[in-house]
Protein backbone atom coordinates (compact mmCIF):
# COMPACT_ATOMS: atom_id res chain seq x y z
CA MET A 1 148.60 110.09 153.33
CA PRO A 2 145.33 111.43 151.89
CA ASN A 3 145.91 114.56 153.98
CA ARG A 4 148.94 115.51 151.84
CA GLY A 5 146.80 115.58 148.65
CA LEU A 6 144.13 117.56 150.46
CA ALA A 7 146.78 119.98 151.74
CA ARG A 8 148.13 120.50 148.21
CA LEU A 9 144.64 121.08 146.88
CA LEU A 10 143.93 123.56 149.66
CA LEU A 11 147.21 125.41 149.04
CA PHE A 12 146.58 125.49 145.30
CA SER A 13 143.03 126.79 145.74
CA LEU A 14 144.25 129.53 148.08
CA PHE A 15 147.27 130.67 146.08
CA PHE A 16 146.07 130.27 142.49
CA PRO A 17 143.53 133.14 142.65
CA ALA A 18 146.15 135.37 144.29
CA LEU A 19 148.72 134.42 141.67
CA THR A 20 146.24 135.14 138.89
CA ALA A 21 145.41 138.56 140.35
CA VAL A 22 149.07 139.46 140.81
CA SER A 23 149.98 138.43 137.29
CA GLY A 24 147.29 140.71 135.87
CA CYS A 25 145.53 137.89 134.08
CA GLU A 26 141.90 138.92 133.74
CA GLY A 27 141.00 136.35 131.17
CA GLU A 28 138.85 137.27 128.23
CA TYR A 29 138.11 140.79 129.55
CA SER A 30 141.67 142.05 130.00
CA GLU A 31 142.16 145.48 128.44
CA ASP A 32 145.09 144.39 126.30
CA ARG A 33 143.35 141.30 125.00
CA MET A 34 140.13 143.16 124.26
CA GLN A 35 141.99 145.97 122.48
CA GLN A 36 143.89 143.46 120.35
CA GLU A 37 140.61 141.82 119.39
CA ILE A 38 139.11 145.21 118.58
CA GLU A 39 142.03 146.07 116.32
CA GLN A 40 141.70 142.73 114.53
CA LYS A 41 137.94 143.17 114.13
CA ARG A 42 138.42 146.76 112.93
CA SER A 43 140.85 145.54 110.29
CA ASP A 44 138.39 142.84 109.21
CA PHE A 45 135.56 145.37 109.12
CA GLN A 46 137.56 147.82 107.01
CA GLU A 47 138.42 145.03 104.61
CA LYS A 48 134.74 144.10 104.28
CA THR A 49 133.83 147.78 103.84
CA GLU A 50 136.11 148.06 100.84
CA ASP A 51 134.88 144.85 99.27
CA LYS A 52 131.18 144.41 99.94
CA ARG A 53 129.44 147.32 101.67
CA GLY A 54 125.89 146.22 102.42
CA SER A 55 126.58 142.49 102.15
CA ASP A 56 125.68 140.10 104.94
CA ALA A 57 129.36 139.71 105.82
CA TYR A 58 129.73 143.50 106.04
CA LEU A 59 126.65 143.88 108.25
CA ASP A 60 127.79 141.02 110.49
CA ALA A 61 131.23 142.63 110.83
CA ALA A 62 129.59 145.98 111.64
CA ARG A 63 127.41 144.44 114.36
CA ASP A 64 130.45 142.61 115.73
CA MET A 65 132.40 145.89 115.94
CA VAL A 66 129.54 147.59 117.80
CA ASP A 67 129.37 144.67 120.24
CA ARG A 68 133.15 144.69 120.80
CA TYR A 69 133.24 148.44 121.42
CA HIS A 70 130.38 148.26 123.93
CA GLU A 71 131.81 145.21 125.64
CA PHE A 72 135.15 146.96 126.16
CA ALA A 73 133.48 150.11 127.53
CA GLU A 74 131.34 148.03 129.87
CA HIS A 75 134.33 146.19 131.33
CA HIS A 76 136.78 149.12 131.30
CA PRO A 77 134.82 152.36 131.80
CA ASP A 78 137.88 154.13 133.24
CA ASN A 79 140.02 153.43 130.19
CA PRO A 80 140.43 156.58 128.08
CA GLU A 81 139.56 154.60 124.92
CA SER A 82 136.10 153.60 126.19
CA ALA A 83 134.33 156.86 125.30
CA ASP A 84 135.91 156.80 121.83
CA TYR A 85 134.83 153.20 121.34
CA VAL A 86 131.22 154.01 122.25
CA TYR A 87 131.34 156.97 119.86
CA ARG A 88 132.68 154.73 117.07
CA ALA A 89 129.92 152.21 117.82
CA ALA A 90 127.34 154.98 117.33
CA MET A 91 128.90 155.96 114.00
CA ILE A 92 128.78 152.36 112.77
CA GLN A 93 125.20 151.99 114.00
CA THR A 94 124.21 155.10 112.04
CA GLU A 95 126.24 154.78 108.86
CA ALA A 96 126.60 151.03 108.34
CA LEU A 97 123.54 149.60 110.04
CA GLY A 98 120.96 152.39 109.89
CA ASP A 99 120.22 151.60 113.53
CA PHE A 100 119.33 155.11 114.67
CA ASP A 101 117.78 154.03 117.98
CA GLY A 102 120.93 152.07 118.82
CA ALA A 103 123.11 155.01 117.80
CA LEU A 104 121.16 157.37 120.04
CA GLU A 105 121.54 154.94 122.95
CA SER A 106 125.29 154.78 122.36
CA LEU A 107 125.61 158.56 122.13
CA GLN A 108 123.53 159.04 125.28
CA GLN A 109 125.74 156.49 127.06
CA LEU A 110 128.77 158.57 126.10
CA VAL A 111 127.15 161.78 127.39
CA ASP A 112 125.98 160.15 130.64
CA THR A 113 129.11 158.14 131.41
CA TRP A 114 131.81 160.55 130.20
CA PRO A 115 130.24 164.05 130.34
CA GLU A 116 133.66 165.73 130.42
CA HIS A 117 135.02 163.83 127.42
CA GLU A 118 135.83 165.96 124.37
CA ARG A 119 133.26 164.05 122.29
CA ALA A 120 130.37 164.58 124.75
CA PRO A 121 129.18 167.92 123.30
CA PHE A 122 129.30 166.58 119.75
CA ALA A 123 127.48 163.43 120.89
CA LEU A 124 124.64 165.59 122.25
CA PHE A 125 124.50 167.48 118.97
CA LEU A 126 124.37 164.17 117.06
CA ILE A 127 121.52 162.95 119.26
CA GLY A 128 119.52 166.02 118.29
CA TYR A 129 120.53 165.94 114.65
CA THR A 130 119.86 162.21 114.21
CA ALA A 131 116.52 162.42 116.04
CA SER A 132 115.48 165.37 113.87
CA GLN A 133 116.84 164.50 110.43
CA TYR A 134 116.56 160.71 110.35
CA MET A 135 113.83 159.89 112.83
CA HIS A 136 111.69 163.04 112.67
CA ASP A 137 111.46 162.90 116.47
CA TYR A 138 111.51 166.63 117.07
CA ASP A 139 110.73 166.38 120.79
CA ARG A 140 113.79 164.23 121.34
CA ALA A 141 115.89 166.54 119.16
CA GLU A 142 114.72 169.60 121.08
CA GLU A 143 115.51 167.89 124.38
CA ALA A 144 119.05 167.07 123.21
CA TYR A 145 119.62 170.59 121.92
CA GLU A 146 118.36 172.09 125.19
CA GLN A 147 120.62 169.77 127.15
CA PHE A 148 123.54 170.85 124.96
CA LEU A 149 122.83 174.54 125.47
CA ASP A 150 122.46 174.05 129.24
CA LYS A 151 125.67 172.04 129.62
CA TYR A 152 127.84 173.78 127.05
CA PRO A 153 126.55 177.36 126.59
CA ASP A 154 129.96 178.67 125.54
CA HIS A 155 130.78 175.86 123.14
CA GLU A 156 131.69 176.83 119.58
CA MET A 157 128.60 174.98 118.29
CA ALA A 158 126.12 176.62 120.71
CA GLU A 159 124.95 179.31 118.27
CA SER A 160 124.37 176.80 115.49
CA ILE A 161 122.51 174.47 117.81
CA ALA A 162 120.28 177.30 119.04
CA TYR A 163 119.46 178.00 115.37
CA GLU A 164 118.75 174.32 114.71
CA LYS A 165 116.49 174.18 117.76
CA GLU A 166 114.58 177.26 116.63
CA HIS A 167 113.91 175.73 113.20
CA LEU A 168 113.23 172.11 114.16
CA GLY A 169 110.93 170.30 111.76
CA ARG A 170 110.79 173.17 109.31
CA SER A 171 111.96 173.18 105.73
CA PRO A 172 114.45 175.88 104.70
CA PHE A 173 111.63 177.18 102.46
CA GLU A 174 109.52 177.93 105.55
CA TYR A 175 111.85 180.50 107.07
CA ASP A 176 114.30 183.17 105.98
CA PHE A 177 117.20 180.80 105.31
CA TRP A 178 117.26 181.59 101.60
CA ASP A 179 116.90 185.33 102.18
CA ASN A 180 120.25 185.37 104.01
CA ILE A 181 122.21 183.79 101.18
CA GLU A 182 123.91 186.28 98.89
């Protein structure tokens, strides 16, 4: 009778993966489960923001949020929330962690992965602005601004970005900025 046990094992091993796939159970990377975790972590992060901005607990919660957002986007790039999550990760990296290199990577990921997303033009602007204002990397800022103007020449921010590009690395005292204020 050992064949009956072997037959059951064989049937179970053949049907269990199919049953799991049909039921939509993806384990720890299911969209619903990951979004629930993100919402819980976001709530925890907001609570820590109100209480102890700059504390170790706050910084840990911020890093955890960034990781959760990126993990979701990595596993579910076709989900409409993914681009927003990567954008939010960049904002946390900039504002909470001061991780400008990480923020630029996140913003570039958004631009590269979701170029048609409504946040993509603003992400390109933020790459240039962050590189210029916080990192003093004017070559990288100029590259981002040029990319913006090439991809989105008719965007409402195009004129402002062209102006920014023209005055990269210069103080308002070095050009006619003050002359134009009445």
